[in-house]
Every structure is written in C-alpha cells, then in structure tokens.
Amino acid sequence: LVNGFEEKLTVAFNDVDFCLKLYEAGKFNVWLHNVEL
C-alpha cells in the first residue's frame, strides 16, 4: 500500500519514513512490551 521502503534512504530513517507512510494511510503503529529480543 505504501510502496515499501524509500530507496533514497539507504541507511538511516527508512523505517521511520515507512511507518509515517503507514500512519498517513490511516494505520496505527504498535510497540509490544512483551516481545523481547
């Protein structure tokens, strides 16, 4: 839906950009406290 990761962002902030595209598309991004790595 959001055309994946922005390839102009080769190393930094590509995940931030991706999540913000999802948010603008009406999705809520969630962080889970009980999934630990």
All heavy atoms as atom14 arrays in JSON, in Angstrom:
{
  "sequence": "LVNGFEEKLTVAFNDVDFCLKLYEAGKFNVWLHNVEL",
  "atom14_mask": [
    [1, 1, 1, 1, 1, 1, 1, 1, 0, 0, 0, 0, 0, 0],
    [1, 1, 1, 1, 1, 1, 1, 0, 0, 0, 0, 0, 0, 0],
    [1, 1, 1, 1, 1, 1, 1, 1, 0, 0, 0, 0, 0, 0],
    [1, 1, 1, 1, 0, 0, 0, 0, 0, 0, 0, 0, 0, 0],
    [1, 1, 1, 1, 1, 1, 1, 1, 1, 1, 1, 0, 0, 0],
    [1, 1, 1, 1, 1, 1, 1, 1, 1, 0, 0, 0, 0, 0],
    [1, 1, 1, 1, 1, 1, 1, 1, 1, 0, 0, 0, 0, 0],
    [1, 1, 1, 1, 1, 1, 1, 1, 1, 0, 0, 0, 0, 0],
    [1, 1, 1, 1, 1, 1, 1, 1, 0, 0, 0, 0, 0, 0],
    [1, 1, 1, 1, 1, 1, 1, 0, 0, 0, 0, 0, 0, 0],
    [1, 1, 1, 1, 1, 1, 1, 0, 0, 0, 0, 0, 0, 0],
    [1, 1, 1, 1, 1, 0, 0, 0, 0, 0, 0, 0, 0, 0],
    [1, 1, 1, 1, 1, 1, 1, 1, 1, 1, 1, 0, 0, 0],
    [1, 1, 1, 1, 1, 1, 1, 1, 0, 0, 0, 0, 0, 0],
    [1, 1, 1, 1, 1, 1, 1, 1, 0, 0, 0, 0, 0, 0],
    [1, 1, 1, 1, 1, 1, 1, 0, 0, 0, 0, 0, 0, 0],
    [1, 1, 1, 1, 1, 1, 1, 1, 0, 0, 0, 0, 0, 0],
    [1, 1, 1, 1, 1, 1, 1, 1, 1, 1, 1, 0, 0, 0],
    [1, 1, 1, 1, 1, 1, 0, 0, 0, 0, 0, 0, 0, 0],
    [1, 1, 1, 1, 1, 1, 1, 1, 0, 0, 0, 0, 0, 0],
    [1, 1, 1, 1, 1, 1, 1, 1, 1, 0, 0, 0, 0, 0],
    [1, 1, 1, 1, 1, 1, 1, 1, 0, 0, 0, 0, 0, 0],
    [1, 1, 1, 1, 1, 1, 1, 1, 1, 1, 1, 1, 0, 0],
    [1, 1, 1, 1, 1, 1, 1, 1, 1, 0, 0, 0, 0, 0],
    [1, 1, 1, 1, 1, 0, 0, 0, 0, 0, 0, 0, 0, 0],
    [1, 1, 1, 1, 0, 0, 0, 0, 0, 0, 0, 0, 0, 0],
    [1, 1, 1, 1, 1, 1, 1, 1, 1, 0, 0, 0, 0, 0],
    [1, 1, 1, 1, 1, 1, 1, 1, 1, 1, 1, 0, 0, 0],
    [1, 1, 1, 1, 1, 1, 1, 1, 0, 0, 0, 0, 0, 0],
    [1, 1, 1, 1, 1, 1, 1, 0, 0, 0, 0, 0, 0, 0],
    [1, 1, 1, 1, 1, 1, 1, 1, 1, 1, 1, 1, 1, 1],
    [1, 1, 1, 1, 1, 1, 1, 1, 0, 0, 0, 0, 0, 0],
    [1, 1, 1, 1, 1, 1, 1, 1, 1, 1, 0, 0, 0, 0],
    [1, 1, 1, 1, 1, 1, 1, 1, 0, 0, 0, 0, 0, 0],
    [1, 1, 1, 1, 1, 1, 1, 0, 0, 0, 0, 0, 0, 0],
    [1, 1, 1, 1, 1, 1, 1, 1, 1, 0, 0, 0, 0, 0],
    [1, 1, 1, 1, 1, 1, 1, 1, 0, 0, 0, 0, 0, 0]
  ],
  "atom14_positions": [
    [[0.82, -1.21, 0.0], [0.0, 0.0, 0.0], [0.86, 1.26, 0.0], [0.52, 2.25, -0.67], [-0.93, 0.0, 1.23], [-1.79, 1.24, 1.46], [-2.86, 1.35, 0.37], [-2.44, 1.19, 2.83], [0.0, 0.0, 0.0], [0.0, 0.0, 0.0], [0.0, 0.0, 0.0], [0.0, 0.0, 0.0], [0.0, 0.0, 0.0], [0.0, 0.0, 0.0]],
    [[1.98, 1.24, 0.74], [2.83, 2.44, 0.85], [4.11, 2.3, 0.02], [5.06, 3.06, 0.2], [3.16, 2.74, 2.32], [1.89, 3.03, 3.1], [3.95, 1.62, 2.97], [0.0, 0.0, 0.0], [0.0, 0.0, 0.0], [0.0, 0.0, 0.0], [0.0, 0.0, 0.0], [0.0, 0.0, 0.0], [0.0, 0.0, 0.0], [0.0, 0.0, 0.0]],
    [[4.14, 1.31, -0.87], [5.27, 1.11, -1.79], [6.58, 0.83, -1.08], [7.67, 1.23, -1.54], [5.43, 2.33, -2.71], [4.22, 2.54, -3.59], [3.7, 1.59, -4.18], [3.73, 3.77, -3.65], [0.0, 0.0, 0.0], [0.0, 0.0, 0.0], [0.0, 0.0, 0.0], [0.0, 0.0, 0.0], [0.0, 0.0, 0.0], [0.0, 0.0, 0.0]],
    [[6.51, 0.11, 0.02], [7.72, -0.37, 0.68], [8.6, 0.72, 1.23], [8.16, 1.83, 1.54], [0.0, 0.0, 0.0], [0.0, 0.0, 0.0], [0.0, 0.0, 0.0], [0.0, 0.0, 0.0], [0.0, 0.0, 0.0], [0.0, 0.0, 0.0], [0.0, 0.0, 0.0], [0.0, 0.0, 0.0], [0.0, 0.0, 0.0], [0.0, 0.0, 0.0]],
    [[9.9, 0.4, 1.36], [10.88, 1.33, 1.92], [11.35, 2.32, 0.86], [11.5, 1.97, -0.32], [12.08, 0.57, 2.48], [11.78, -0.25, 3.7], [11.69, -1.63, 3.62], [11.6, 0.35, 4.93], [11.42, -2.4, 4.73], [11.32, -0.41, 6.06], [11.23, -1.79, 5.96], [0.0, 0.0, 0.0], [0.0, 0.0, 0.0], [0.0, 0.0, 0.0]],
    [[11.59, 3.54, 1.28], [12.08, 4.59, 0.39], [13.57, 4.35, 0.1], [14.41, 4.43, 1.0], [11.88, 5.96, 1.05], [12.53, 7.12, 0.33], [12.11, 7.23, -1.12], [10.9, 7.43, -1.37], [12.99, 7.09, -2.0], [0.0, 0.0, 0.0], [0.0, 0.0, 0.0], [0.0, 0.0, 0.0], [0.0, 0.0, 0.0], [0.0, 0.0, 0.0]],
    [[13.89, 4.1, -1.18], [15.25, 3.71, -1.53], [16.23, 4.88, -1.55], [17.44, 4.68, -1.64], [15.25, 2.94, -2.85], [14.48, 1.63, -2.72], [14.52, 0.77, -3.97], [15.22, 1.15, -4.95], [13.85, -0.28, -3.98], [0.0, 0.0, 0.0], [0.0, 0.0, 0.0], [0.0, 0.0, 0.0], [0.0, 0.0, 0.0], [0.0, 0.0, 0.0]],
    [[15.73, 6.11, -1.45], [16.63, 7.26, -1.29], [17.24, 7.28, 0.11], [18.26, 7.94, 0.32], [15.88, 8.56, -1.55], [15.45, 8.75, -2.99], [14.67, 10.05, -3.17], [14.2, 10.22, -4.61], [13.38, 11.45, -4.78], [0.0, 0.0, 0.0], [0.0, 0.0, 0.0], [0.0, 0.0, 0.0], [0.0, 0.0, 0.0], [0.0, 0.0, 0.0]],
    [[16.61, 6.59, 1.04], [17.13, 6.49, 2.4], [17.89, 5.17, 2.5], [17.33, 4.12, 2.8], [15.98, 6.55, 3.41], [15.2, 7.87, 3.43], [13.94, 7.75, 4.26], [16.07, 9.01, 3.94], [0.0, 0.0, 0.0], [0.0, 0.0, 0.0], [0.0, 0.0, 0.0], [0.0, 0.0, 0.0], [0.0, 0.0, 0.0], [0.0, 0.0, 0.0]],
    [[19.18, 5.23, 2.24], [19.96, 4.0, 2.09], [20.27, 3.33, 3.42], [20.35, 2.11, 3.51], [21.28, 4.28, 1.35], [22.03, 5.24, 2.11], [21.01, 4.84, -0.04], [0.0, 0.0, 0.0], [0.0, 0.0, 0.0], [0.0, 0.0, 0.0], [0.0, 0.0, 0.0], [0.0, 0.0, 0.0], [0.0, 0.0, 0.0], [0.0, 0.0, 0.0]],
    [[20.47, 4.14, 4.49], [20.86, 3.58, 5.78], [19.93, 4.04, 6.9], [19.33, 3.25, 7.6], [22.32, 3.94, 6.12], [22.69, 3.43, 7.51], [23.27, 3.38, 5.07], [0.0, 0.0, 0.0], [0.0, 0.0, 0.0], [0.0, 0.0, 0.0], [0.0, 0.0, 0.0], [0.0, 0.0, 0.0], [0.0, 0.0, 0.0], [0.0, 0.0, 0.0]],
    [[19.8, 5.35, 7.06], [19.09, 5.9, 8.21], [17.65, 6.29, 7.87], [17.35, 6.67, 6.74], [19.84, 7.11, 8.77], [0.0, 0.0, 0.0], [0.0, 0.0, 0.0], [0.0, 0.0, 0.0], [0.0, 0.0, 0.0], [0.0, 0.0, 0.0], [0.0, 0.0, 0.0], [0.0, 0.0, 0.0], [0.0, 0.0, 0.0], [0.0, 0.0, 0.0]],
    [[16.78, 6.19, 8.85], [15.41, 6.73, 8.85], [14.47, 6.05, 7.86], [13.32, 6.48, 7.73], [15.41, 8.23, 8.56], [16.32, 9.03, 9.46], [17.28, 9.88, 8.93], [16.22, 8.92, 10.84], [18.11, 10.61, 9.75], [17.05, 9.65, 11.67], [18.0, 10.51, 11.13], [0.0, 0.0, 0.0], [0.0, 0.0, 0.0], [0.0, 0.0, 0.0]],
    [[14.91, 5.0, 7.17], [13.99, 4.35, 6.22], [12.81, 3.71, 6.94], [11.7, 3.69, 6.42], [14.73, 3.32, 5.36], [15.85, 2.64, 6.12], [15.62, 2.05, 7.17], [17.06, 2.73, 5.59], [0.0, 0.0, 0.0], [0.0, 0.0, 0.0], [0.0, 0.0, 0.0], [0.0, 0.0, 0.0], [0.0, 0.0, 0.0], [0.0, 0.0, 0.0]],
    [[13.05, 3.19, 8.15], [11.94, 2.61, 8.92], [11.0, 3.69, 9.43], [9.78, 3.51, 9.47], [12.45, 1.74, 10.07], [13.59, 2.37, 10.86], [13.9, 3.56, 10.64], [14.18, 1.66, 11.7], [0.0, 0.0, 0.0], [0.0, 0.0, 0.0], [0.0, 0.0, 0.0], [0.0, 0.0, 0.0], [0.0, 0.0, 0.0], [0.0, 0.0, 0.0]],
    [[11.56, 4.85, 9.82], [10.72, 5.96, 10.28], [9.84, 6.46, 9.14], [8.63, 6.65, 9.31], [11.59, 7.11, 10.84], [10.71, 8.27, 11.3], [12.47, 6.61, 11.98], [0.0, 0.0, 0.0], [0.0, 0.0, 0.0], [0.0, 0.0, 0.0], [0.0, 0.0, 0.0], [0.0, 0.0, 0.0], [0.0, 0.0, 0.0], [0.0, 0.0, 0.0]],
    [[10.44, 6.65, 7.99], [9.69, 7.08, 6.8], [8.6, 6.07, 6.47], [7.45, 6.44, 6.18], [10.66, 7.23, 5.63], [9.96, 7.51, 4.32], [9.57, 8.67, 4.09], [9.8, 6.57, 3.52], [0.0, 0.0, 0.0], [0.0, 0.0, 0.0], [0.0, 0.0, 0.0], [0.0, 0.0, 0.0], [0.0, 0.0, 0.0], [0.0, 0.0, 0.0]],
    [[8.92, 4.79, 6.52], [7.97, 3.73, 6.21], [6.78, 3.78, 7.17], [5.61, 3.72, 6.76], [8.66, 2.37, 6.28], [7.75, 1.2, 6.08], [7.31, 0.86, 4.81], [7.35, 0.42, 7.15], [6.47, -0.23, 4.61], [6.51, -0.67, 6.97], [6.07, -0.99, 5.71], [0.0, 0.0, 0.0], [0.0, 0.0, 0.0], [0.0, 0.0, 0.0]],
    [[7.07, 3.89, 8.46], [6.0, 3.92, 9.46], [5.12, 5.16, 9.33], [3.9, 5.1, 9.52], [6.59, 3.83, 10.87], [7.23, 2.2, 11.31], [0.0, 0.0, 0.0], [0.0, 0.0, 0.0], [0.0, 0.0, 0.0], [0.0, 0.0, 0.0], [0.0, 0.0, 0.0], [0.0, 0.0, 0.0], [0.0, 0.0, 0.0], [0.0, 0.0, 0.0]],
    [[5.74, 6.29, 8.99], [4.96, 7.51, 8.81], [4.05, 7.4, 7.59], [2.93, 7.93, 7.6], [5.88, 8.72, 8.7], [6.55, 9.15, 10.01], [7.54, 10.27, 9.76], [5.52, 9.57, 11.05], [0.0, 0.0, 0.0], [0.0, 0.0, 0.0], [0.0, 0.0, 0.0], [0.0, 0.0, 0.0], [0.0, 0.0, 0.0], [0.0, 0.0, 0.0]],
    [[4.5, 6.71, 6.56], [3.62, 6.48, 5.4], [2.42, 5.62, 5.81], [1.29, 5.87, 5.37], [4.42, 5.81, 4.27], [5.43, 6.73, 3.6], [6.01, 6.13, 2.32], [6.85, 4.92, 2.57], [7.49, 4.4, 1.33], [0.0, 0.0, 0.0], [0.0, 0.0, 0.0], [0.0, 0.0, 0.0], [0.0, 0.0, 0.0], [0.0, 0.0, 0.0]],
    [[2.66, 4.64, 6.66], [1.55, 3.83, 7.16], [0.59, 4.67, 7.99], [-0.64, 4.55, 7.85], [2.08, 2.67, 8.01], [2.79, 1.53, 7.28], [3.45, 0.6, 8.28], [1.81, 0.75, 6.41], [0.0, 0.0, 0.0], [0.0, 0.0, 0.0], [0.0, 0.0, 0.0], [0.0, 0.0, 0.0], [0.0, 0.0, 0.0], [0.0, 0.0, 0.0]],
    [[1.14, 5.53, 8.83], [0.3, 6.38, 9.68], [-0.55, 7.32, 8.84], [-1.74, 7.5, 9.11], [1.19, 7.17, 10.64], [0.43, 8.05, 11.6], [-0.39, 7.5, 12.58], [0.52, 9.43, 11.52], [-1.11, 8.31, 13.46], [-0.18, 10.25, 12.39], [-0.99, 9.68, 13.36], [-1.7, 10.49, 14.22], [0.0, 0.0, 0.0], [0.0, 0.0, 0.0]],
    [[0.05, 7.88, 7.79], [-0.7, 8.77, 6.91], [-1.79, 8.0, 6.14], [-2.78, 8.58, 5.73], [0.25, 9.45, 5.93], [1.18, 10.47, 6.58], [0.85, 11.89, 6.19], [0.82, 12.15, 4.98], [0.63, 12.71, 7.1], [0.0, 0.0, 0.0], [0.0, 0.0, 0.0], [0.0, 0.0, 0.0], [0.0, 0.0, 0.0], [0.0, 0.0, 0.0]],
    [[-1.58, 6.71, 5.98], [-2.58, 5.87, 5.29], [-3.68, 5.41, 6.25], [-4.55, 4.63, 5.86], [-1.9, 4.66, 4.66], [0.0, 0.0, 0.0], [0.0, 0.0, 0.0], [0.0, 0.0, 0.0], [0.0, 0.0, 0.0], [0.0, 0.0, 0.0], [0.0, 0.0, 0.0], [0.0, 0.0, 0.0], [0.0, 0.0, 0.0], [0.0, 0.0, 0.0]],
    [[-3.64, 5.88, 7.5], [-4.7, 5.57, 8.45], [-4.41, 4.4, 9.36], [-5.31, 3.92, 10.07], [0.0, 0.0, 0.0], [0.0, 0.0, 0.0], [0.0, 0.0, 0.0], [0.0, 0.0, 0.0], [0.0, 0.0, 0.0], [0.0, 0.0, 0.0], [0.0, 0.0, 0.0], [0.0, 0.0, 0.0], [0.0, 0.0, 0.0], [0.0, 0.0, 0.0]],
    [[-3.16, 3.95, 9.39], [-2.79, 2.81, 10.23], [-2.12, 3.29, 11.52], [-1.45, 4.32, 11.55], [-1.82, 1.89, 9.47], [-2.36, 1.37, 8.15], [-3.48, 0.36, 8.36], [-3.99, -0.21, 7.04], [-5.01, -1.26, 7.24], [0.0, 0.0, 0.0], [0.0, 0.0, 0.0], [0.0, 0.0, 0.0], [0.0, 0.0, 0.0], [0.0, 0.0, 0.0]],
    [[-2.28, 2.51, 12.58], [-1.63, 2.81, 13.86], [-0.48, 1.83, 14.06], [-0.67, 0.61, 13.98], [-2.63, 2.69, 15.01], [-3.68, 3.77, 15.02], [-4.87, 3.59, 14.35], [-3.46, 4.96, 15.69], [-5.84, 4.58, 14.35], [-4.42, 5.97, 15.69], [-5.61, 5.78, 15.02], [0.0, 0.0, 0.0], [0.0, 0.0, 0.0], [0.0, 0.0, 0.0]],
    [[0.71, 2.37, 14.31], [1.87, 1.53, 14.56], [1.95, 1.22, 16.05], [1.68, 2.08, 16.89], [3.14, 2.25, 14.09], [3.06, 2.6, 12.61], [2.76, 1.75, 11.78], [3.32, 3.85, 12.27], [0.0, 0.0, 0.0], [0.0, 0.0, 0.0], [0.0, 0.0, 0.0], [0.0, 0.0, 0.0], [0.0, 0.0, 0.0], [0.0, 0.0, 0.0]],
    [[2.33, -0.02, 16.37], [2.27, -0.5, 17.75], [3.61, -1.1, 18.16], [4.25, -1.82, 17.39], [1.17, -1.58, 17.9], [1.12, -2.1, 19.33], [-0.19, -1.01, 17.52], [0.0, 0.0, 0.0], [0.0, 0.0, 0.0], [0.0, 0.0, 0.0], [0.0, 0.0, 0.0], [0.0, 0.0, 0.0], [0.0, 0.0, 0.0], [0.0, 0.0, 0.0]],
    [[4.01, -0.78, 19.39], [5.2, -1.39, 20.01], [4.73, -2.32, 21.12], [3.89, -1.94, 21.94], [6.1, -0.3, 20.58], [7.25, -0.82, 21.37], [8.46, -1.25, 20.91], [7.31, -0.95, 22.8], [9.26, -1.64, 21.95], [8.58, -1.47, 23.12], [6.41, -0.69, 23.83], [8.98, -1.72, 24.44], [6.79, -0.94, 25.15], [8.06, -1.45, 25.43]],
    [[5.27, -3.56, 21.14], [4.84, -4.57, 22.11], [5.9, -4.73, 23.19], [7.05, -5.06, 22.91], [4.6, -5.91, 21.41], [3.6, -5.89, 20.24], [3.4, -7.29, 19.7], [2.27, -5.29, 20.68], [0.0, 0.0, 0.0], [0.0, 0.0, 0.0], [0.0, 0.0, 0.0], [0.0, 0.0, 0.0], [0.0, 0.0, 0.0], [0.0, 0.0, 0.0]],
    [[5.47, -4.54, 24.44], [6.42, -4.61, 25.55], [6.83, -6.04, 25.87], [7.9, -6.28, 26.45], [5.81, -3.95, 26.8], [4.79, -4.81, 27.5], [5.12, -5.62, 28.57], [3.46, -4.99, 27.3], [4.04, -6.26, 28.99], [3.02, -5.89, 28.23], [0.0, 0.0, 0.0], [0.0, 0.0, 0.0], [0.0, 0.0, 0.0], [0.0, 0.0, 0.0]],
    [[5.99, -7.01, 25.53], [6.25, -8.39, 25.92], [6.74, -9.25, 24.76], [6.57, -10.46, 24.74], [5.01, -9.01, 26.57], [3.74, -8.79, 25.76], [3.8, -8.32, 24.62], [2.6, -9.13, 26.33], [0.0, 0.0, 0.0], [0.0, 0.0, 0.0], [0.0, 0.0, 0.0], [0.0, 0.0, 0.0], [0.0, 0.0, 0.0], [0.0, 0.0, 0.0]],
    [[7.36, -8.59, 23.78], [8.13, -9.28, 22.75], [9.55, -8.76, 22.88], [9.85, -7.63, 22.51], [7.58, -9.01, 21.34], [8.51, -9.58, 20.28], [6.18, -9.6, 21.18], [0.0, 0.0, 0.0], [0.0, 0.0, 0.0], [0.0, 0.0, 0.0], [0.0, 0.0, 0.0], [0.0, 0.0, 0.0], [0.0, 0.0, 0.0], [0.0, 0.0, 0.0]],
    [[10.44, -9.59, 23.46], [11.77, -9.13, 23.85], [12.85, -9.85, 23.05], [12.8, -11.07, 22.85], [11.99, -9.36, 25.34], [10.99, -8.61, 26.23], [11.16, -8.94, 27.69], [11.02, -10.13, 28.06], [11.45, -8.01, 28.47], [0.0, 0.0, 0.0], [0.0, 0.0, 0.0], [0.0, 0.0, 0.0], [0.0, 0.0, 0.0], [0.0, 0.0, 0.0]],
    [[13.84, -9.06, 22.62], [14.96, -9.61, 21.86], [16.23, -8.82, 22.23], [16.15, -7.68, 22.68], [14.72, -9.51, 20.35], [13.41, -10.07, 19.8], [12.35, -8.97, 19.69], [13.61, -10.72, 18.43], [0.0, 0.0, 0.0], [0.0, 0.0, 0.0], [0.0, 0.0, 0.0], [0.0, 0.0, 0.0], [0.0, 0.0, 0.0], [0.0, 0.0, 0.0]]
  ]
}
